[in-house]
Protein backbone atom coordinates (compact mmCIF):
# COMPACT_ATOMS: atom_id res chain seq x y z
CA UNK A 1 80.04 95.48 90.10
CA UNK A 2 81.83 95.46 86.64
CA UNK A 3 82.13 99.57 87.04
CA UNK A 4 83.89 98.84 91.00
CA UNK A 5 86.08 96.40 89.07
CA UNK A 6 87.61 98.74 86.21
CA UNK A 7 88.19 101.42 89.18
CA UNK A 8 90.19 98.82 90.63
CA UNK A 9 92.50 98.66 87.58
CA UNK A 10 93.79 102.50 88.17
CA UNK A 11 96.01 101.21 90.78
CA UNK A 12 97.95 98.21 89.26
CA UNK A 13 98.96 95.13 90.79
CA UNK A 14 102.47 96.30 90.80
CA UNK A 15 101.58 99.38 92.93
CA UNK A 16 99.78 97.58 94.94
CA UNK A 17 102.38 95.31 96.01
CA UNK A 18 104.87 97.48 96.09
CA UNK A 19 103.19 100.35 98.21
CA UNK A 20 100.91 97.78 100.11
CA UNK A 21 97.88 99.46 99.32
CA UNK A 22 94.73 97.83 97.90
CA UNK A 23 91.56 99.82 95.63
CA UNK A 24 88.79 100.06 98.35
CA UNK A 25 86.21 102.82 96.67
CA UNK A 26 86.30 105.84 94.75
CA UNK A 27 84.17 109.20 96.15
CA UNK A 28 83.82 112.23 93.69
CA UNK A 29 87.58 112.86 93.07
CA UNK A 30 89.24 110.88 95.71
CA UNK A 31 90.40 107.11 95.77
CA UNK A 32 90.39 105.53 98.65
CA UNK A 33 92.97 103.09 99.57
CA UNK A 34 93.28 100.20 102.01
CA UNK A 35 97.15 100.10 103.75
CA UNK A 36 98.18 98.53 106.31
CA UNK A 37 98.47 99.98 109.93
CA UNK A 38 101.95 99.07 109.94
CA UNK A 39 102.92 101.83 107.43
CA UNK A 40 103.40 105.42 109.20
CA UNK A 41 102.83 108.40 108.79
CA UNK A 42 105.57 109.36 106.27
CA UNK A 43 105.42 106.50 103.89
CA UNK A 44 101.80 107.28 103.46
CA UNK A 45 102.94 110.34 102.76
CA UNK A 46 105.43 109.74 99.87
CA UNK A 47 103.15 107.32 98.14
CA UNK A 48 100.10 108.78 98.14
CA UNK A 49 102.10 112.08 96.54
CA UNK A 50 103.51 109.37 94.08
CA UNK A 51 100.30 107.86 93.63
CA UNK A 52 97.90 110.91 93.16
CA UNK A 53 100.09 111.89 90.22
CA UNK A 54 100.19 108.07 88.32
CA UNK A 55 96.26 108.18 89.66
CA UNK A 56 95.54 112.00 88.85
CA UNK A 57 92.43 111.55 91.51
CA UNK A 58 93.42 112.36 95.29
CA UNK A 59 94.60 109.71 97.16
CA UNK A 60 93.19 109.23 101.02
CA UNK A 61 94.08 105.66 102.98
CA UNK A 62 91.84 103.60 105.06
CA UNK A 63 93.84 101.75 107.78
CA UNK A 64 93.00 97.32 108.12
CA UNK A 65 95.43 95.28 109.57
CA UNK A 66 97.86 93.33 108.28
CA UNK A 67 96.37 89.95 107.54
CA UNK A 68 93.32 91.53 105.88
CA UNK A 69 95.13 93.91 104.01
CA UNK A 70 97.51 90.74 103.02
CA UNK A 71 94.51 88.33 101.76
CA UNK A 72 93.39 91.51 99.45
CA UNK A 73 96.47 92.18 97.87
CA UNK A 74 96.25 88.37 97.38
CA UNK A 75 92.53 88.33 96.01
CA UNK A 76 92.78 91.60 94.12
CA UNK A 77 96.35 91.82 92.54
CA UNK A 78 97.31 88.14 92.40
CA UNK A 79 100.76 87.91 91.74
CA UNK A 80 102.10 86.24 88.27
CA UNK A 81 104.76 83.23 88.02
CA UNK A 82 107.09 84.76 86.86
CA UNK A 83 108.51 81.75 85.46
CA UNK A 84 109.63 81.17 81.49
CA UNK A 85 106.65 79.27 79.81
CA UNK A 86 108.20 79.82 76.54
CA UNK A 87 109.07 75.99 74.67
CA UNK A 88 112.46 74.78 74.59
CA UNK A 89 113.62 72.14 72.26
CA UNK A 90 115.86 69.53 73.11
């Protein structure tokens, strides 16, 4: 499980949300990512090329429905609250 968690970090939360992809697993020199069934082939090709450059691995997409993808994004790549947490003195 620890190795699986480490492998999922190949895709940063920023990339996961921007491209709407979620790490599924790695097989040999390929990374399999879940993506929405709503993504078009053109978008997948474009994102795949960019993600291959970033990760240095071949990217393969498996499509899942949008609610399942949203759930996995929220669990695997929680978004941080961007509020300013610095101390303020009055």
